[in-house]
Structure formats: C-alpha cells, structure tokens
Amino acid sequence: MRSVVIVTTASGTGYVLSVSDSGVSWRRVPGLESDGLGSVGGWEPAVPRIVPGERLLIGNLRTTPVVRVAVIPT
C-alpha cells in the first residue's frame, strides 16, 4: 500500500511520511515558530505508531503530542 501521511504536532511542526511496501521515508517540516532544528528526515523499515494525543517516535526524534493526522492514498 502506498500513501502519504501528514502529521502535525502540538508545537506546530509537521511531518510528511511517504509510506510504501518497503518502508517509510519521512521529513520534518518546522512550524512557524521553529525550534532551530531545521528540516531533518530519514527512512524507517516500518510505519511508526501515529496516535492523536501521543508523541510520535520516529528516527531519533520524540515529538510533542500529535494533534492532526491526514492520510492521502496515492
């Protein structure tokens, strides 16, 4: 299954995940009030757990709680 998942956290930071059968390519998109980390990204062999109200654990990042999730099938 291929899809794009857009996750927004409580800090306003967004994460764009491109999901395919082989894994997940992801990119962090800083919010308007950037914390100085800039844009980072990576690849994971499996889709991380994405639950509104819980922190997203992806790569070596632990985000603020997830507030919005959008799934776009491709």
C-alpha atoms as a PDB file:
ATOM      1  CA  MET A   1       0.000   0.000   0.000  1.00  0.00           C
ATOM      2  CA  ARG A   2       1.317   3.424  -0.884  1.00  0.00           C
ATOM      3  CA  SER A   3       0.200   6.599   0.832  1.00  0.00           C
ATOM      4  CA  VAL A   4       1.356   9.916   2.182  1.00  0.00           C
ATOM      5  CA  VAL A   5       0.696  10.711   5.837  1.00  0.00           C
ATOM      6  CA  ILE A   6       0.861  14.282   7.119  1.00  0.00           C
ATOM      7  CA  VAL A   7       1.201  14.618  10.886  1.00  0.00           C
ATOM      8  CA  THR A   8       1.029  17.896  12.825  1.00  0.00           C
ATOM      9  CA  THR A   9       2.216  18.073  16.425  1.00  0.00           C
ATOM     10  CA  ALA A  10       1.273  20.382  19.294  1.00  0.00           C
ATOM     11  CA  SER A  11       4.346  22.522  18.594  1.00  0.00           C
ATOM     12  CA  GLY A  12       3.101  23.216  15.057  1.00  0.00           C
ATOM     13  CA  THR A  13       5.791  21.096  13.448  1.00  0.00           C
ATOM     14  CA  GLY A  14       4.718  18.886  10.581  1.00  0.00           C
ATOM     15  CA  TYR A  15       5.969  15.502   9.467  1.00  0.00           C
ATOM     16  CA  VAL A  16       5.415  14.146   5.972  1.00  0.00           C
ATOM     17  CA  LEU A  17       5.687  10.369   5.704  1.00  0.00           C
ATOM     18  CA  SER A  18       5.759   8.568   2.372  1.00  0.00           C
ATOM     19  CA  VAL A  19       4.645   5.004   3.076  1.00  0.00           C
ATOM     20  CA  SER A  20       5.427   2.133   0.709  1.00  0.00           C
ATOM     21  CA  ASP A  21       5.686  -1.635   0.965  1.00  0.00           C
ATOM     22  CA  SER A  22       9.424  -1.393   1.654  1.00  0.00           C
ATOM     23  CA  GLY A  23       9.246   1.196   4.455  1.00  0.00           C
ATOM     24  CA  VAL A  24       8.683   4.836   5.294  1.00  0.00           C
ATOM     25  CA  SER A  25      10.581   7.867   4.042  1.00  0.00           C
ATOM     26  CA  TRP A  26       9.907  10.878   6.262  1.00  0.00           C
ATOM     27  CA  ARG A  27      10.735  14.569   6.516  1.00  0.00           C
ATOM     28  CA  ARG A  28      10.304  17.029   9.394  1.00  0.00           C
ATOM     29  CA  VAL A  29       8.881  20.404   8.344  1.00  0.00           C
ATOM     30  CA  PRO A  30       9.429  23.085  11.008  1.00  0.00           C
ATOM     31  CA  GLY A  31       6.436  25.122  12.166  1.00  0.00           C
ATOM     32  CA  LEU A  32       6.199  28.889  12.064  1.00  0.00           C
ATOM     33  CA  GLU A  33       7.861  29.135  15.483  1.00  0.00           C
ATOM     34  CA  SER A  34      10.843  26.952  14.633  1.00  0.00           C
ATOM     35  CA  ASP A  35      12.887  25.407  17.414  1.00  0.00           C
ATOM     36  CA  GLY A  36      16.050  25.733  15.353  1.00  0.00           C
ATOM     37  CA  LEU A  37      16.296  22.054  14.385  1.00  0.00           C
ATOM     38  CA  GLY A  38      15.554  22.796  10.743  1.00  0.00           C
ATOM     39  CA  SER A  39      14.423  20.143   8.320  1.00  0.00           C
ATOM     40  CA  VAL A  40      15.530  16.591   9.041  1.00  0.00           C
ATOM     41  CA  GLY A  41      14.380  13.283   7.680  1.00  0.00           C
ATOM     42  CA  GLY A  42      15.155   9.652   7.245  1.00  0.00           C
ATOM     43  CA  TRP A  43      13.924   6.198   6.420  1.00  0.00           C
ATOM     44  CA  GLU A  44      12.332   3.582   8.664  1.00  0.00           C
ATOM     45  CA  PRO A  45      11.631  -0.064   7.816  1.00  0.00           C
ATOM     46  CA  ALA A  46       8.164   0.104   9.419  1.00  0.00           C
ATOM     47  CA  VAL A  47       5.428   2.695   9.904  1.00  0.00           C
ATOM     48  CA  PRO A  48       5.704   4.325  13.346  1.00  0.00           C
ATOM     49  CA  ARG A  49       2.729   4.357  15.704  1.00  0.00           C
ATOM     50  CA  ILE A  50       0.732   7.542  14.980  1.00  0.00           C
ATOM     51  CA  VAL A  51      -1.967   8.296  17.560  1.00  0.00           C
ATOM     52  CA  PRO A  52      -3.505  11.728  18.232  1.00  0.00           C
ATOM     53  CA  GLY A  53      -2.581  12.837  21.748  1.00  0.00           C
ATOM     54  CA  GLU A  54       0.557  10.661  21.861  1.00  0.00           C
ATOM     55  CA  ARG A  55       4.131  11.536  20.952  1.00  0.00           C
ATOM     56  CA  LEU A  56       5.435  10.389  17.578  1.00  0.00           C
ATOM     57  CA  LEU A  57       8.648   8.373  17.838  1.00  0.00           C
ATOM     58  CA  ILE A  58      10.443   8.466  14.507  1.00  0.00           C
ATOM     59  CA  GLY A  59      14.142   8.200  13.788  1.00  0.00           C
ATOM     60  CA  ASN A  60      15.871   9.570  16.863  1.00  0.00           C
ATOM     61  CA  LEU A  61      13.100  12.137  17.455  1.00  0.00           C
ATOM     62  CA  ARG A  62      10.387  12.163  20.118  1.00  0.00           C
ATOM     63  CA  THR A  63       7.848  14.824  19.166  1.00  0.00           C
ATOM     64  CA  THR A  64       5.305  16.824  21.095  1.00  0.00           C
ATOM     65  CA  PRO A  65       1.866  15.152  21.046  1.00  0.00           C
ATOM     66  CA  VAL A  66       0.206  14.583  17.684  1.00  0.00           C
ATOM     67  CA  VAL A  67      -2.783  16.883  17.119  1.00  0.00           C
ATOM     68  CA  ARG A  68      -3.731  16.154  13.492  1.00  0.00           C
ATOM     69  CA  VAL A  69      -3.247  13.274  11.040  1.00  0.00           C
ATOM     70  CA  ALA A  70      -4.154  13.234   7.344  1.00  0.00           C
ATOM     71  CA  VAL A  71      -3.751  10.166   5.121  1.00  0.00           C
ATOM     72  CA  ILE A  72      -3.601  10.672   1.367  1.00  0.00           C
ATOM     73  CA  PRO A  73      -3.721   7.452  -0.695  1.00  0.00           C
ATOM     74  CA  THR A  74      -1.533   7.510  -3.797  1.00  0.00           C
END
